[in-house]
Amino acid sequence: MPRKKTETFSMSFLDVISCGFGAVVLFYTIMASQAGMTRTNERMNLQADANRVAQEVIEGRAHLADLRNAMESTEDKTVQAHGLSVAVLDRIKVTEEELAKYENDTLARRESLERLKADLQQLEEGTRRLKERAPQTVPVNSPDDQEQLVTLSVLGQHVLVLVDASASMLDETLVNIIRLRNMPPERRIQSLKWQQAVNTVEWVTARLKAGTQFQIYAFDTAARPVVEGTGGHWLSVREAGQVEQAIVGLRRTAPKGGSSLQNAFAVIRDLNPAPDNVVLITDGLPTQGDKPPLMRTLVTSEQREDLMQDAVKSLPPSPPQFNIVLLPMEGDPSAPIYFWRLARATGGSFLNPAKDWP
């Protein structure tokens, strides 16, 4: 029998080869699977890191905006602080200049005070001499009148009466003035000091001669006739009822506001013919010029003296005779000297009546 032929690649060999190849494929499959999981985990970790970094970037931008706002606010405060420092330095400089000015003015003020004292002594001496010549003055109704107003002249062809109707005419003390100025007009009209001023005007008009022409103006920061519609015109004592009408109009006037002598003196130029006698009834130096100030501030004594000097300078070159009745007022010690000087310079009289007159 012929020998059976032996084959090199038998089924058993192929099985072994197939198993080995399968094992290799399985190994690589397992390895690839493990590698994929590893990459997935790494990718997830990287994504988490990226998300965290992105969140930190967002938070950083928010913090950056806050820092920018804080920096801008700091810069604004720095600018404001710089401006305040400049203002403070300027104020310090102004204060130093004012202190230097006050120091320089000290000697001048002392000399002025000495002159005022001398003027006061001269005033007292003049008053004494006038009292000694009392029989030569205008007639009076009672011994009290002779004592208080013996030197008041109401003579003249054209007599202008200027009555201060500012808030200070409500009382002698600042506390009561502040209290009364906020009350209704009816209550202000009834104040004792204002009634004394009105009674003084009534005393003056009662002693005007028959042929005299007169006019009565009340003034605060502006001047106005007490008889409406008579501005710039003279009234006559002879015409029936004009004196009474003027007194009634004055009694209806309620004091208010500040006082401007400059505007009151402007009435002298408005009247034609000009007055030859001005009876001024007031209680102190003015608090305003011809125009209101740009800012409302407390008026100092020095400023009131300057306003008084400006008012006197506004008078005509040949001013009329001034007869001044100065009612009492606290906190204005320079007023008697200035008004006495005005009366003396124009040939008039200066009176400071008692509280119970007339």
Protein backbone atom coordinates (compact mmCIF):
# COMPACT_ATOMS: atom_id res chain seq x y z
CA MET A 1 0.00 0.00 0.00
CA PRO A 2 1.25 3.32 -0.69
CA ARG A 3 2.50 5.46 2.32
CA LYS A 4 0.20 8.13 3.56
CA LYS A 5 1.47 11.59 2.68
CA THR A 6 2.22 13.76 5.67
CA GLU A 7 0.98 17.42 5.46
CA THR A 8 2.93 20.16 7.19
CA PHE A 9 -0.06 22.39 7.96
CA SER A 10 -2.58 20.16 9.50
CA MET A 11 -5.83 21.23 11.25
CA SER A 12 -4.24 21.01 14.65
CA PHE A 13 -1.53 23.39 13.64
CA LEU A 14 -4.01 25.80 12.23
CA ASP A 15 -6.01 25.68 15.44
CA VAL A 16 -2.95 26.47 17.44
CA ILE A 17 -2.04 29.32 15.13
CA SER A 18 -5.60 30.66 15.25
CA CYS A 19 -5.72 30.48 19.01
CA GLY A 20 -2.44 32.28 19.30
CA PHE A 21 -3.54 34.97 16.86
CA GLY A 22 -6.83 35.31 18.75
CA ALA A 23 -4.95 35.65 22.01
CA VAL A 24 -2.80 38.40 20.51
CA VAL A 25 -5.84 40.19 19.13
CA LEU A 26 -7.60 39.84 22.49
CA PHE A 27 -4.51 41.21 24.26
CA TYR A 28 -4.31 44.18 21.97
CA THR A 29 -8.05 44.74 22.32
CA ILE A 30 -7.77 44.74 26.10
CA MET A 31 -4.76 47.05 25.93
CA ALA A 32 -6.54 49.40 23.55
CA SER A 33 -9.57 49.44 25.82
CA GLN A 34 -7.44 50.26 28.83
CA ALA A 35 -5.64 52.94 26.89
CA GLY A 36 -9.01 54.47 25.79
CA MET A 37 -10.25 54.58 29.36
CA THR A 38 -7.01 56.17 30.45
CA ARG A 39 -7.29 58.84 27.74
CA THR A 40 -10.92 59.43 28.67
CA ASN A 41 -10.00 59.91 32.30
CA GLU A 42 -7.15 62.18 31.34
CA ARG A 43 -9.44 64.15 29.03
CA MET A 44 -12.02 64.48 31.80
CA ASN A 45 -9.33 65.65 34.22
CA LEU A 46 -8.03 68.11 31.67
CA GLN A 47 -11.58 69.36 31.00
CA ALA A 48 -12.14 69.81 34.74
CA ASP A 49 -8.87 71.74 34.99
CA ALA A 50 -9.91 73.85 32.00
CA ASN A 51 -13.30 74.57 33.57
CA ARG A 52 -11.64 75.52 36.85
CA VAL A 53 -9.21 77.79 35.06
CA ALA A 54 -12.09 79.36 33.09
CA GLN A 55 -13.98 79.97 36.35
CA GLU A 56 -10.88 81.52 37.87
CA VAL A 57 -10.57 83.75 34.79
CA ILE A 58 -14.19 84.88 35.20
CA GLU A 59 -13.67 85.55 38.89
CA GLY A 60 -10.40 87.31 38.13
CA ARG A 61 -12.13 89.58 35.62
CA ALA A 62 -14.82 90.40 38.19
CA HIS A 63 -12.16 91.16 40.78
CA LEU A 64 -10.32 93.21 38.17
CA ALA A 65 -13.47 95.31 37.59
CA ASP A 66 -13.83 95.81 41.33
CA LEU A 67 -10.19 96.82 41.55
CA ARG A 68 -10.62 99.25 38.67
CA ASN A 69 -13.67 100.79 40.36
CA ALA A 70 -11.80 100.99 43.63
CA MET A 71 -8.85 102.58 41.86
CA GLU A 72 -11.11 105.15 40.14
CA SER A 73 -12.80 105.91 43.46
CA THR A 74 -9.39 106.30 45.08
CA GLU A 75 -8.30 108.62 42.30
CA ASP A 76 -11.49 110.69 42.74
CA LYS A 77 -10.90 110.91 46.46
CA THR A 78 -7.30 111.87 45.80
CA VAL A 79 -8.44 114.68 43.51
CA GLN A 80 -11.00 115.83 46.07
CA ALA A 81 -8.43 115.68 48.84
CA HIS A 82 -6.05 117.71 46.71
CA GLY A 83 -8.76 120.28 46.04
CA LEU A 84 -9.62 120.46 49.72
CA SER A 85 -5.98 120.84 50.63
CA VAL A 86 -5.63 123.69 48.16
CA ALA A 87 -8.78 125.33 49.54
CA VAL A 88 -7.52 124.91 53.10
CA LEU A 89 -4.16 126.41 52.15
CA ASP A 90 -5.93 129.33 50.47
CA ARG A 91 -8.12 129.83 53.52
CA ILE A 92 -5.08 129.74 55.77
CA LYS A 93 -3.42 132.34 53.57
CA VAL A 94 -6.52 134.57 53.65
CA THR A 95 -6.74 134.16 57.43
CA GLU A 96 -3.11 135.11 57.82
CA GLU A 97 -3.67 138.19 55.67
CA GLU A 98 -6.76 139.12 57.69
CA LEU A 99 -4.84 138.68 60.93
CA ALA A 100 -2.07 140.88 59.59
CA LYS A 101 -4.67 143.47 58.54
CA TYR A 102 -6.34 143.38 61.95
CA GLU A 103 -2.99 143.82 63.64
CA ASN A 104 -2.24 146.80 61.41
CA ASP A 105 -5.69 148.25 62.09
CA THR A 106 -5.42 147.92 65.86
CA LEU A 107 -3.59 151.19 66.31
CA ALA A 108 -5.91 152.99 63.90
CA ARG A 109 -8.97 151.65 65.72
CA ARG A 110 -7.60 152.80 69.04
CA GLU A 111 -7.06 156.26 67.62
CA SER A 112 -10.57 156.20 66.16
CA LEU A 113 -11.95 155.19 69.56
CA GLU A 114 -10.20 158.11 71.18
CA ARG A 115 -11.69 160.45 68.59
CA LEU A 116 -15.14 158.96 69.20
CA LYS A 117 -14.76 159.54 72.92
CA ALA A 118 -13.80 163.14 72.23
CA ASP A 119 -16.82 163.53 69.95
CA LEU A 120 -19.06 162.07 72.64
CA GLN A 121 -17.76 164.55 75.18
CA GLN A 122 -18.36 167.34 72.69
CA LEU A 123 -21.89 166.02 72.11
CA GLU A 124 -22.62 166.02 75.83
CA GLU A 125 -21.30 169.55 76.12
CA GLY A 126 -23.42 170.66 73.15
CA THR A 127 -26.51 169.04 74.67
CA ARG A 128 -25.89 170.83 77.92
CA ARG A 129 -25.60 174.18 76.16
CA LEU A 130 -28.75 173.51 74.13
CA LYS A 131 -30.71 172.71 77.27
CA GLU A 132 -29.55 175.99 78.76
CA ARG A 133 -31.03 177.76 75.71
CA ALA A 134 -34.34 175.86 75.97
CA PRO A 135 -36.60 178.97 75.92
CA GLN A 136 -35.46 179.71 72.35
CA THR A 137 -36.65 176.37 70.95
CA VAL A 138 -40.00 175.27 69.56
CA PRO A 139 -42.94 175.11 71.97
CA VAL A 140 -43.71 171.83 73.70
CA ASN A 141 -46.77 170.47 75.45
CA SER A 142 -45.34 169.26 78.74
CA PRO A 143 -42.18 169.28 80.90
CA ASP A 144 -41.37 165.81 79.55
CA ASP A 145 -41.48 167.13 75.98
CA GLN A 146 -39.22 170.02 76.93
CA GLU A 147 -36.73 167.62 78.49
CA GLN A 148 -36.72 165.04 75.69
CA LEU A 149 -37.20 166.93 72.43
CA VAL A 150 -36.36 170.51 73.23
CA THR A 151 -33.80 170.70 70.40
CA LEU A 152 -35.84 169.01 67.65
CA SER A 153 -36.53 171.43 64.81
CA VAL A 154 -39.61 170.97 62.63
CA LEU A 155 -39.21 174.28 60.81
CA GLY A 156 -38.95 174.56 57.05
CA GLN A 157 -41.04 175.00 53.94
CA HIS A 158 -40.63 171.37 52.83
CA VAL A 159 -40.25 168.81 55.61
CA LEU A 160 -39.50 165.18 54.79
CA VAL A 161 -40.04 162.58 57.52
CA LEU A 162 -38.15 159.29 57.03
CA VAL A 163 -39.29 156.51 59.35
CA ASP A 164 -37.28 153.33 59.71
CA ALA A 165 -39.76 150.42 59.29
CA SER A 166 -37.25 147.56 59.40
CA ALA A 167 -37.58 144.57 61.74
CA SER A 168 -35.23 146.15 64.29
CA MET A 169 -37.97 148.72 65.05
CA LEU A 170 -39.96 145.97 66.76
CA ASP A 171 -37.91 145.90 69.98
CA GLU A 172 -34.65 146.91 71.64
CA THR A 173 -33.25 143.38 72.06
CA LEU A 174 -32.24 140.96 69.31
CA VAL A 175 -34.06 138.07 70.98
CA ASN A 176 -37.40 139.87 70.97
CA ILE A 177 -36.84 141.17 67.44
CA ILE A 178 -36.36 137.61 66.15
CA ARG A 179 -39.45 136.50 68.05
CA LEU A 180 -41.67 139.36 66.85
CA ARG A 181 -40.59 139.45 63.21
CA ASN A 182 -42.19 136.02 62.62
CA MET A 183 -45.54 137.14 64.01
CA PRO A 184 -48.52 138.40 61.95
CA PRO A 185 -48.48 142.05 60.79
CA GLU A 186 -51.20 142.97 63.31
CA ARG A 187 -48.96 141.86 66.18
CA ARG A 188 -45.88 143.62 64.77
CA ILE A 189 -47.79 146.88 64.41
CA GLN A 190 -48.67 146.77 68.13
CA SER A 191 -45.04 146.47 69.31
CA LEU A 192 -44.16 149.19 71.82
CA LYS A 193 -41.06 150.44 70.01
CA TRP A 194 -42.91 150.83 66.70
CA GLN A 195 -45.74 152.65 68.43
CA GLN A 196 -43.18 155.03 69.93
CA ALA A 197 -41.85 155.73 66.41
CA VAL A 198 -45.37 156.38 65.08
CA ASN A 199 -46.15 158.65 68.04
CA THR A 200 -42.92 160.57 67.34
CA VAL A 201 -44.07 161.18 63.75
CA GLU A 202 -47.44 162.31 65.05
CA TRP A 203 -45.65 164.70 67.43
CA VAL A 204 -43.67 166.14 64.50
CA THR A 205 -46.67 166.61 62.20
CA ALA A 206 -48.62 168.30 64.99
CA ARG A 207 -45.96 171.05 65.10
CA LEU A 208 -45.73 171.76 61.36
CA LYS A 209 -46.66 175.33 60.45
CA ALA A 210 -49.79 176.01 58.43
CA GLY A 211 -47.95 176.78 55.19
CA THR A 212 -45.60 173.81 55.35
CA GLN A 213 -45.51 171.09 52.73
CA PHE A 214 -44.56 167.67 54.04
CA GLN A 215 -44.11 164.07 53.03
CA ILE A 216 -43.72 160.89 55.12
CA TYR A 217 -41.81 157.87 53.82
CA ALA A 218 -41.37 154.53 55.58
CA PHE A 219 -38.29 152.55 54.61
CA ASP A 220 -36.79 149.13 55.16
CA THR A 221 -34.65 147.92 52.24
CA ALA A 222 -36.74 150.24 50.03
CA ALA A 223 -38.51 153.54 50.65
CA ARG A 224 -42.22 154.16 49.97
CA PRO A 225 -44.71 156.92 50.89
CA VAL A 226 -47.17 156.05 53.64
CA VAL A 227 -49.94 157.61 51.53
CA GLU A 228 -50.21 155.42 48.48
CA GLY A 229 -49.87 157.16 45.12
CA THR A 230 -48.09 160.26 46.48
CA GLY A 231 -44.53 159.23 45.69
CA GLY A 232 -42.42 162.18 44.53
CA HIS A 233 -45.13 164.72 45.49
CA TRP A 234 -45.52 166.97 48.50
CA LEU A 235 -48.54 166.95 50.80
CA SER A 236 -49.90 170.14 52.36
CA VAL A 237 -50.72 170.82 55.98
CA ARG A 238 -53.48 173.18 54.83
CA GLU A 239 -55.35 170.56 52.85
CA ALA A 240 -57.83 168.90 55.12
CA GLY A 241 -57.16 165.36 56.13
CA GLN A 242 -53.73 164.86 54.52
CA VAL A 243 -51.88 164.80 57.83
CA GLU A 244 -54.42 162.38 59.31
CA GLN A 245 -54.29 160.25 56.17
CA ALA A 246 -50.50 160.01 56.42
CA ILE A 247 -50.61 159.05 60.11
CA VAL A 248 -53.25 156.37 59.40
CA GLY A 249 -51.10 154.97 56.59
CA LEU A 250 -48.09 154.83 58.91
CA ARG A 251 -50.06 153.08 61.64
CA ARG A 252 -50.99 150.38 59.12
CA THR A 253 -47.33 149.72 58.30
CA ALA A 254 -45.79 146.60 59.86
CA PRO A 255 -41.97 146.65 60.34
CA LYS A 256 -40.07 143.97 58.44
CA GLY A 257 -36.75 143.14 56.77
CA GLY A 258 -33.46 145.02 56.83
CA SER A 259 -32.76 148.73 56.43
CA SER A 260 -31.17 150.74 53.61
CA LEU A 261 -30.43 154.38 54.37
CA GLN A 262 -29.01 154.80 50.89
CA ASN A 263 -32.42 154.02 49.34
CA ALA A 264 -34.12 156.20 51.95
CA PHE A 265 -31.83 159.15 51.15
CA ALA A 266 -32.63 158.68 47.44
CA VAL A 267 -36.09 160.12 48.19
CA ILE A 268 -34.44 163.53 48.73
CA ARG A 269 -33.49 163.63 45.04
CA ASP A 270 -36.94 162.42 43.92
CA LEU A 271 -38.84 165.29 45.55
CA ASN A 272 -39.19 168.61 43.72
CA PRO A 273 -38.48 171.01 45.24
CA ALA A 274 -35.94 169.29 47.46
CA PRO A 275 -36.67 169.20 51.21
CA ASP A 276 -34.98 171.76 53.45
CA ASN A 277 -35.58 169.71 56.62
CA VAL A 278 -35.36 165.93 56.99
CA VAL A 279 -36.60 164.33 60.21
CA LEU A 280 -35.03 160.86 60.39
CA ILE A 281 -36.48 158.40 62.92
CA THR A 282 -34.40 155.22 63.20
CA ASP A 283 -32.65 153.00 65.71
CA GLY A 284 -29.27 152.10 64.24
CA LEU A 285 -26.89 151.82 61.34
CA PRO A 286 -28.14 150.31 58.05
CA THR A 287 -27.81 146.63 57.17
CA GLN A 288 -27.93 146.94 53.37
CA GLY A 289 -26.77 149.23 50.59
CA ASP A 290 -28.75 150.31 47.56
CA LYS A 291 -28.90 146.70 46.34
CA PRO A 292 -29.29 143.42 48.25
CA PRO A 293 -26.07 141.41 48.75
CA LEU A 294 -25.35 138.43 46.51
CA MET A 295 -25.22 136.16 49.56
CA ARG A 296 -27.14 136.50 52.80
CA THR A 297 -24.62 136.69 55.61
CA LEU A 298 -24.44 138.23 59.05
CA VAL A 299 -23.61 141.95 58.71
CA THR A 300 -20.73 142.92 60.99
CA SER A 301 -20.37 146.24 62.82
CA GLU A 302 -17.58 147.30 60.45
CA GLN A 303 -19.78 146.56 57.42
CA ARG A 304 -22.66 148.58 58.90
CA GLU A 305 -20.32 151.52 59.43
CA ASP A 306 -19.23 151.26 55.79
CA LEU A 307 -22.90 151.19 54.69
CA MET A 308 -23.58 154.30 56.77
CA GLN A 309 -20.67 156.11 55.15
CA ASP A 310 -21.89 155.08 51.69
CA ALA A 311 -25.37 156.43 52.50
CA VAL A 312 -23.95 159.78 53.62
CA LYS A 313 -21.85 159.98 50.44
CA SER A 314 -25.02 159.47 48.36
CA LEU A 315 -26.58 162.69 49.69
CA PRO A 316 -26.74 165.72 47.37
CA PRO A 317 -23.77 168.13 47.41
CA SER A 318 -25.82 170.56 49.53
CA PRO A 319 -27.83 168.25 51.79
CA PRO A 320 -30.84 169.46 53.77
CA GLN A 321 -30.83 169.87 57.51
CA PHE A 322 -31.07 166.52 59.31
CA ASN A 323 -32.89 166.27 62.64
CA ILE A 324 -32.42 162.74 63.89
CA VAL A 325 -34.38 160.81 66.52
CA LEU A 326 -32.45 157.67 67.48
CA LEU A 327 -34.49 155.05 69.33
CA PRO A 328 -32.66 152.53 71.56
CA MET A 329 -31.18 149.35 70.09
CA GLU A 330 -28.69 146.93 71.65
CA GLY A 331 -25.52 145.85 69.89
CA ASP A 332 -25.01 149.04 67.84
CA PRO A 333 -22.70 151.29 69.90
CA SER A 334 -21.38 153.27 66.92
CA ALA A 335 -24.81 154.48 65.76
CA PRO A 336 -25.07 157.57 68.06
CA ILE A 337 -21.72 158.92 66.89
CA TYR A 338 -22.44 158.53 63.17
CA PHE A 339 -25.93 160.03 63.36
CA TRP A 340 -24.74 162.86 65.59
CA ARG A 341 -22.02 163.66 63.05
CA LEU A 342 -24.62 163.74 60.26
CA ALA A 343 -26.87 166.09 62.27
CA ARG A 344 -23.96 168.36 63.20
CA ALA A 345 -22.62 168.48 59.61
CA THR A 346 -26.03 169.62 58.26
CA GLY A 347 -26.85 172.04 61.07
CA GLY A 348 -29.57 169.83 62.55
CA SER A 349 -30.14 168.16 65.90
CA PHE A 350 -29.69 164.70 67.36
CA LEU A 351 -32.03 163.27 69.99
CA ASN A 352 -32.16 160.01 71.91
CA PRO A 353 -35.58 160.07 73.66
CA ALA A 354 -36.57 158.05 76.69
CA LYS A 355 -38.73 154.96 76.36
CA ASP A 356 -41.85 156.64 77.76
CA TRP A 357 -41.86 159.56 75.30
CA PRO A 358 -44.17 160.95 74.00
